[in-house]
C-alpha atoms as a PDB file:
ATOM      1  CA  UNK A   1     250.700 -39.350 218.448  1.00  0.00           C
ATOM      2  CA  UNK A   2     251.153 -42.085 216.242  1.00  0.00           C
ATOM      3  CA  UNK A   3     252.782 -43.195 219.171  1.00  0.00           C
ATOM      4  CA  UNK A   4     250.319 -42.667 221.645  1.00  0.00           C
ATOM      5  CA  UNK A   5     247.738 -44.643 218.798  1.00  0.00           C
ATOM      6  CA  UNK A   6     250.419 -47.191 218.955  1.00  0.00           C
ATOM      7  CA  UNK A   7     251.218 -48.290 222.223  1.00  0.00           C
ATOM      8  CA  UNK A   8     246.981 -48.425 222.738  1.00  0.00           C
ATOM      9  CA  UNK A   9     246.248 -50.617 220.108  1.00  0.00           C
ATOM     10  CA  UNK A  10     249.018 -52.883 221.667  1.00  0.00           C
ATOM     11  CA  UNK A  11     247.676 -52.508 225.318  1.00  0.00           C
ATOM     12  CA  UNK A  12     243.969 -54.203 223.405  1.00  0.00           C
ATOM     13  CA  UNK A  13     245.011 -56.608 221.406  1.00  0.00           C
ATOM     14  CA  UNK A  14     247.135 -57.734 224.463  1.00  0.00           C
ATOM     15  CA  UNK A  15     244.205 -57.679 226.830  1.00  0.00           C
ATOM     16  CA  UNK A  16     241.752 -59.657 223.764  1.00  0.00           C
ATOM     17  CA  UNK A  17     244.643 -62.249 224.163  1.00  0.00           C
ATOM     18  CA  UNK A  18     244.014 -61.848 228.301  1.00  0.00           C
ATOM     19  CA  UNK A  19     239.944 -62.670 227.447  1.00  0.00           C
ATOM     20  CA  UNK A  20     240.472 -65.623 225.708  1.00  0.00           C
ATOM     21  CA  UNK A  21     243.066 -67.266 228.253  1.00  0.00           C
ATOM     22  CA  UNK A  22     240.533 -66.517 230.990  1.00  0.00           C
ATOM     23  CA  UNK A  23     237.493 -68.505 229.981  1.00  0.00           C
ATOM     24  CA  UNK A  24     238.977 -70.925 228.681  1.00  0.00           C
ATOM     25  CA  UNK A  25     238.745 -74.146 231.805  1.00  0.00           C
ATOM     26  CA  UNK A  26     234.731 -72.365 232.152  1.00  0.00           C
ATOM     27  CA  UNK A  27     234.043 -73.017 228.467  1.00  0.00           C
ATOM     28  CA  UNK A  28     235.207 -76.381 228.015  1.00  0.00           C
ATOM     29  CA  UNK A  29     233.823 -77.226 231.405  1.00  0.00           C
ATOM     30  CA  UNK A  30     230.170 -75.533 229.943  1.00  0.00           C
ATOM     31  CA  UNK A  31     230.186 -78.271 227.008  1.00  0.00           C
ATOM     32  CA  UNK A  32     228.026 -81.014 229.314  1.00  0.00           C
ATOM     33  CA  UNK A  33     229.939 -83.948 229.882  1.00  0.00           C
ATOM     34  CA  UNK A  34     232.320 -84.983 226.543  1.00  0.00           C
ATOM     35  CA  UNK A  35     235.373 -87.170 226.318  1.00  0.00           C
ATOM     36  CA  UNK A  36     239.048 -86.166 226.511  1.00  0.00           C
ATOM     37  CA  UNK A  37     240.282 -85.373 223.525  1.00  0.00           C
ATOM     38  CA  UNK A  38     236.773 -82.985 222.701  1.00  0.00           C
ATOM     39  CA  UNK A  39     237.550 -81.259 226.283  1.00  0.00           C
ATOM     40  CA  UNK A  40     241.546 -80.377 224.605  1.00  0.00           C
ATOM     41  CA  UNK A  41     240.122 -79.681 220.893  1.00  0.00           C
ATOM     42  CA  UNK A  42     238.336 -75.753 222.212  1.00  0.00           C
ATOM     43  CA  UNK A  43     241.674 -75.308 224.800  1.00  0.00           C
ATOM     44  CA  UNK A  44     244.589 -76.017 222.372  1.00  0.00           C
ATOM     45  CA  UNK A  45     242.848 -73.590 219.998  1.00  0.00           C
ATOM     46  CA  UNK A  46     241.692 -70.679 222.129  1.00  0.00           C
ATOM     47  CA  UNK A  47     245.355 -70.911 223.989  1.00  0.00           C
ATOM     48  CA  UNK A  48     246.937 -71.224 220.535  1.00  0.00           C
ATOM     49  CA  UNK A  49     244.729 -67.422 219.188  1.00  0.00           C
ATOM     50  CA  UNK A  50     246.163 -65.663 222.531  1.00  0.00           C
ATOM     51  CA  UNK A  51     249.387 -66.784 221.758  1.00  0.00           C
ATOM     52  CA  UNK A  52     248.963 -65.743 218.585  1.00  0.00           C
ATOM     53  CA  UNK A  53     247.468 -62.088 219.709  1.00  0.00           C
ATOM     54  CA  UNK A  54     250.108 -61.953 221.847  1.00  0.00           C
ATOM     55  CA  UNK A  55     252.716 -62.614 219.542  1.00  0.00           C
ATOM     56  CA  UNK A  56     250.988 -59.827 217.378  1.00  0.00           C
ATOM     57  CA  UNK A  57     251.464 -57.553 220.180  1.00  0.00           C
ATOM     58  CA  UNK A  58     255.398 -58.233 220.413  1.00  0.00           C
ATOM     59  CA  UNK A  59     255.572 -57.893 216.651  1.00  0.00           C
ATOM     60  CA  UNK A  60     253.727 -54.488 216.455  1.00  0.00           C
ATOM     61  CA  UNK A  61     255.075 -53.384 219.251  1.00  0.00           C
ATOM     62  CA  UNK A  62     258.247 -54.161 219.963  1.00  0.00           C
END
């Protein structure tokens, strides 16, 4: 039972990371006309959060 719960948690956290990556372009495009630097900051932050969640799934699931 513990293994099933662990894999379920790993799957949910992995999906959370995917859910951060998918809407990134739409979120940045919805912010209006901004400079290239202002567009890069949220992209970098969202991708860093996604990579962090994926690395957590690797640690827990590995």
